[in-house]
Amino acid sequence: MSQSKREQVVSHLRYIRQELREMHQGVLDDGLLPEPGEIRGVMAQMEALLELLEGKGKSKVKADEAESY
């Protein structure tokens, strides 16, 4: 994985971790569940991270499939 892509992944993970910590703290302090929009936002960040990670993996898989034919 290139250094810049690695830095992007680390940045995404830090953001997601912070958002989840804030949601968890809200549940502990207030006993309230997070707003659906907050959850969707974190899920969107996780999907973006997955796409970033799979970007290289998908092209490698396609290249491997092409070589097998």
N, C-alpha and C. Protein backbone atom coordinates (compact mmCIF):
# COMPACT_ATOMS: atom_id res chain seq x y z
N MET A 1 0.86 -1.17 0.00
CA MET A 1 0.00 0.00 0.00
C MET A 1 0.91 1.23 0.00
N SER A 2 0.60 2.18 -0.86
CA SER A 2 1.42 3.39 -0.92
C SER A 2 1.28 4.20 0.36
N GLN A 3 2.28 5.02 0.62
CA GLN A 3 2.29 5.81 1.86
C GLN A 3 1.09 6.75 1.93
N SER A 4 0.75 7.41 0.81
CA SER A 4 -0.37 8.35 0.84
C SER A 4 -1.69 7.63 1.08
N LYS A 5 -1.86 6.45 0.48
CA LYS A 5 -3.08 5.69 0.70
C LYS A 5 -3.14 5.22 2.16
N ARG A 6 -2.00 4.83 2.68
CA ARG A 6 -1.93 4.41 4.08
C ARG A 6 -2.32 5.56 5.00
N GLU A 7 -1.83 6.76 4.70
CA GLU A 7 -2.18 7.94 5.50
C GLU A 7 -3.67 8.24 5.42
N GLN A 8 -4.27 8.04 4.24
CA GLN A 8 -5.71 8.25 4.09
C GLN A 8 -6.48 7.25 4.95
N VAL A 9 -6.04 6.00 4.94
CA VAL A 9 -6.71 4.97 5.73
C VAL A 9 -6.61 5.30 7.21
N VAL A 10 -5.43 5.69 7.66
CA VAL A 10 -5.23 6.04 9.07
C VAL A 10 -6.13 7.22 9.44
N SER A 11 -6.21 8.21 8.57
CA SER A 11 -7.04 9.37 8.84
C SER A 11 -8.52 8.98 8.95
N HIS A 12 -8.99 8.15 8.02
CA HIS A 12 -10.37 7.68 8.06
C HIS A 12 -10.63 6.91 9.36
N LEU A 13 -9.72 6.03 9.72
CA LEU A 13 -9.92 5.23 10.93
C LEU A 13 -9.95 6.10 12.18
N ARG A 14 -9.11 7.11 12.24
CA ARG A 14 -9.12 8.02 13.40
C ARG A 14 -10.44 8.76 13.49
N TYR A 15 -10.94 9.23 12.35
CA TYR A 15 -12.21 9.95 12.34
C TYR A 15 -13.34 9.04 12.79
N ILE A 16 -13.39 7.84 12.25
CA ILE A 16 -14.45 6.89 12.60
C ILE A 16 -14.37 6.54 14.08
N ARG A 17 -13.17 6.30 14.57
CA ARG A 17 -12.99 5.96 15.98
C ARG A 17 -13.49 7.09 16.88
N GLN A 18 -13.17 8.33 16.52
CA GLN A 18 -13.61 9.47 17.32
C GLN A 18 -15.14 9.60 17.31
N GLU A 19 -15.72 9.44 16.14
CA GLU A 19 -17.19 9.52 16.05
C GLU A 19 -17.85 8.44 16.89
N LEU A 20 -17.32 7.23 16.83
CA LEU A 20 -17.90 6.13 17.63
C LEU A 20 -17.70 6.36 19.12
N ARG A 21 -16.57 6.91 19.50
CA ARG A 21 -16.36 7.23 20.92
C ARG A 21 -17.37 8.25 21.41
N GLU A 22 -17.62 9.27 20.59
CA GLU A 22 -18.60 10.30 20.98
C GLU A 22 -20.00 9.69 21.11
N MET A 23 -20.36 8.81 20.17
CA MET A 23 -21.67 8.15 20.25
C MET A 23 -21.75 7.30 21.51
N HIS A 24 -20.71 6.55 21.78
CA HIS A 24 -20.68 5.68 22.96
C HIS A 24 -20.78 6.50 24.24
N GLN A 25 -20.06 7.60 24.30
CA GLN A 25 -20.11 8.45 25.48
C GLN A 25 -21.51 9.01 25.68
N GLY A 26 -22.16 9.37 24.59
CA GLY A 26 -23.53 9.85 24.69
C GLY A 26 -24.48 8.80 25.23
N VAL A 27 -24.29 7.57 24.82
CA VAL A 27 -25.12 6.48 25.33
C VAL A 27 -24.86 6.28 26.82
N LEU A 28 -23.59 6.30 27.21
CA LEU A 28 -23.26 6.11 28.63
C LEU A 28 -23.76 7.26 29.49
N ASP A 29 -23.56 8.49 29.05
CA ASP A 29 -23.92 9.66 29.85
C ASP A 29 -25.42 9.89 29.91
N ASP A 30 -26.07 9.83 28.76
CA ASP A 30 -27.49 10.21 28.67
C ASP A 30 -28.43 9.02 28.51
N GLY A 31 -27.88 7.87 28.15
CA GLY A 31 -28.74 6.71 27.89
C GLY A 31 -29.53 6.84 26.61
N LEU A 32 -29.12 7.78 25.75
CA LEU A 32 -29.82 8.01 24.49
C LEU A 32 -29.05 7.42 23.32
N LEU A 33 -29.77 6.84 22.40
CA LEU A 33 -29.14 6.33 21.20
C LEU A 33 -28.81 7.48 20.25
N PRO A 34 -27.78 7.32 19.44
CA PRO A 34 -27.42 8.39 18.50
C PRO A 34 -28.51 8.59 17.45
N GLU A 35 -28.52 9.78 16.87
CA GLU A 35 -29.46 10.08 15.80
C GLU A 35 -29.16 9.20 14.59
N PRO A 36 -30.18 8.82 13.84
CA PRO A 36 -29.94 7.99 12.64
C PRO A 36 -28.96 8.64 11.66
N GLY A 37 -29.00 9.96 11.55
CA GLY A 37 -28.08 10.65 10.64
C GLY A 37 -26.63 10.50 11.06
N GLU A 38 -26.39 10.47 12.36
CA GLU A 38 -25.03 10.28 12.86
C GLU A 38 -24.53 8.89 12.49
N ILE A 39 -25.40 7.91 12.67
CA ILE A 39 -25.02 6.53 12.35
C ILE A 39 -24.78 6.39 10.85
N ARG A 40 -25.65 6.99 10.04
CA ARG A 40 -25.46 6.93 8.58
C ARG A 40 -24.15 7.60 8.18
N GLY A 41 -23.79 8.67 8.86
CA GLY A 41 -22.54 9.36 8.55
C GLY A 41 -21.32 8.49 8.81
N VAL A 42 -21.32 7.80 9.94
CA VAL A 42 -20.21 6.91 10.26
C VAL A 42 -20.19 5.73 9.29
N MET A 43 -21.36 5.21 8.96
CA MET A 43 -21.42 4.11 7.99
C MET A 43 -20.88 4.55 6.64
N ALA A 44 -21.18 5.77 6.23
CA ALA A 44 -20.67 6.28 4.96
C ALA A 44 -19.15 6.39 4.99
N GLN A 45 -18.60 6.82 6.13
CA GLN A 45 -17.15 6.88 6.28
C GLN A 45 -16.53 5.49 6.19
N MET A 46 -17.18 4.51 6.81
CA MET A 46 -16.68 3.15 6.75
C MET A 46 -16.73 2.60 5.33
N GLU A 47 -17.80 2.92 4.59
CA GLU A 47 -17.90 2.48 3.20
C GLU A 47 -16.83 3.13 2.34
N ALA A 48 -16.55 4.41 2.59
CA ALA A 48 -15.50 5.10 1.84
C ALA A 48 -14.14 4.46 2.12
N LEU A 49 -13.91 4.09 3.35
CA LEU A 49 -12.66 3.43 3.71
C LEU A 49 -12.56 2.07 3.03
N LEU A 50 -13.64 1.33 3.02
CA LEU A 50 -13.66 0.03 2.37
C LEU A 50 -13.38 0.17 0.88
N GLU A 51 -14.00 1.16 0.24
CA GLU A 51 -13.75 1.39 -1.19
C GLU A 51 -12.29 1.75 -1.44
N LEU A 52 -11.72 2.55 -0.57
CA LEU A 52 -10.31 2.92 -0.70
C LEU A 52 -9.43 1.69 -0.60
N LEU A 53 -9.74 0.82 0.35
CA LEU A 53 -8.95 -0.39 0.53
C LEU A 53 -9.15 -1.38 -0.60
N GLU A 54 -10.39 -1.52 -1.08
CA GLU A 54 -10.67 -2.48 -2.13
C GLU A 54 -10.22 -2.00 -3.50
N GLY A 55 -9.99 -0.72 -3.64
CA GLY A 55 -9.59 -0.19 -4.93
C GLY A 55 -8.40 -0.91 -5.51
N LYS A 56 -7.38 -1.12 -4.71
CA LYS A 56 -6.19 -1.82 -5.16
C LYS A 56 -6.47 -3.32 -5.27
N GLY A 57 -7.19 -3.85 -4.31
CA GLY A 57 -7.48 -5.28 -4.30
C GLY A 57 -8.31 -5.72 -5.49
N LYS A 58 -9.28 -4.91 -5.90
CA LYS A 58 -10.12 -5.28 -7.03
C LYS A 58 -9.32 -5.36 -8.31
N SER A 59 -8.43 -4.39 -8.55
CA SER A 59 -7.65 -4.41 -9.78
C SER A 59 -6.68 -5.58 -9.77
N LYS A 60 -6.17 -5.95 -8.60
CA LYS A 60 -5.26 -7.09 -8.51
C LYS A 60 -6.01 -8.38 -8.81
N VAL A 61 -7.23 -8.50 -8.29
CA VAL A 61 -8.03 -9.69 -8.54
C VAL A 61 -8.33 -9.79 -10.02
N LYS A 62 -8.71 -8.69 -10.66
CA LYS A 62 -9.01 -8.71 -12.08
C LYS A 62 -7.78 -9.09 -12.90
N ALA A 63 -6.63 -8.58 -12.50
CA ALA A 63 -5.39 -8.91 -13.20
C ALA A 63 -5.06 -10.38 -13.04
N ASP A 64 -5.28 -10.93 -11.85
CA ASP A 64 -5.03 -12.34 -11.61
C ASP A 64 -5.97 -13.21 -12.42
N GLU A 65 -7.23 -12.78 -12.55
CA GLU A 65 -8.20 -13.54 -13.34
C GLU A 65 -7.81 -13.53 -14.82
N ALA A 66 -7.35 -12.40 -15.31
CA ALA A 66 -6.96 -12.28 -16.71
C ALA A 66 -5.76 -13.18 -17.01
N GLU A 67 -4.84 -13.31 -16.06
CA GLU A 67 -3.67 -14.15 -16.26
C GLU A 67 -4.03 -15.61 -16.29
N SER A 68 -5.10 -16.00 -15.60
CA SER A 68 -5.46 -17.41 -15.54
C SER A 68 -6.12 -17.89 -16.82
N TYR A 69 -6.58 -16.97 -17.68
CA TYR A 69 -7.24 -17.37 -18.93
C TYR A 69 -6.27 -17.57 -20.00
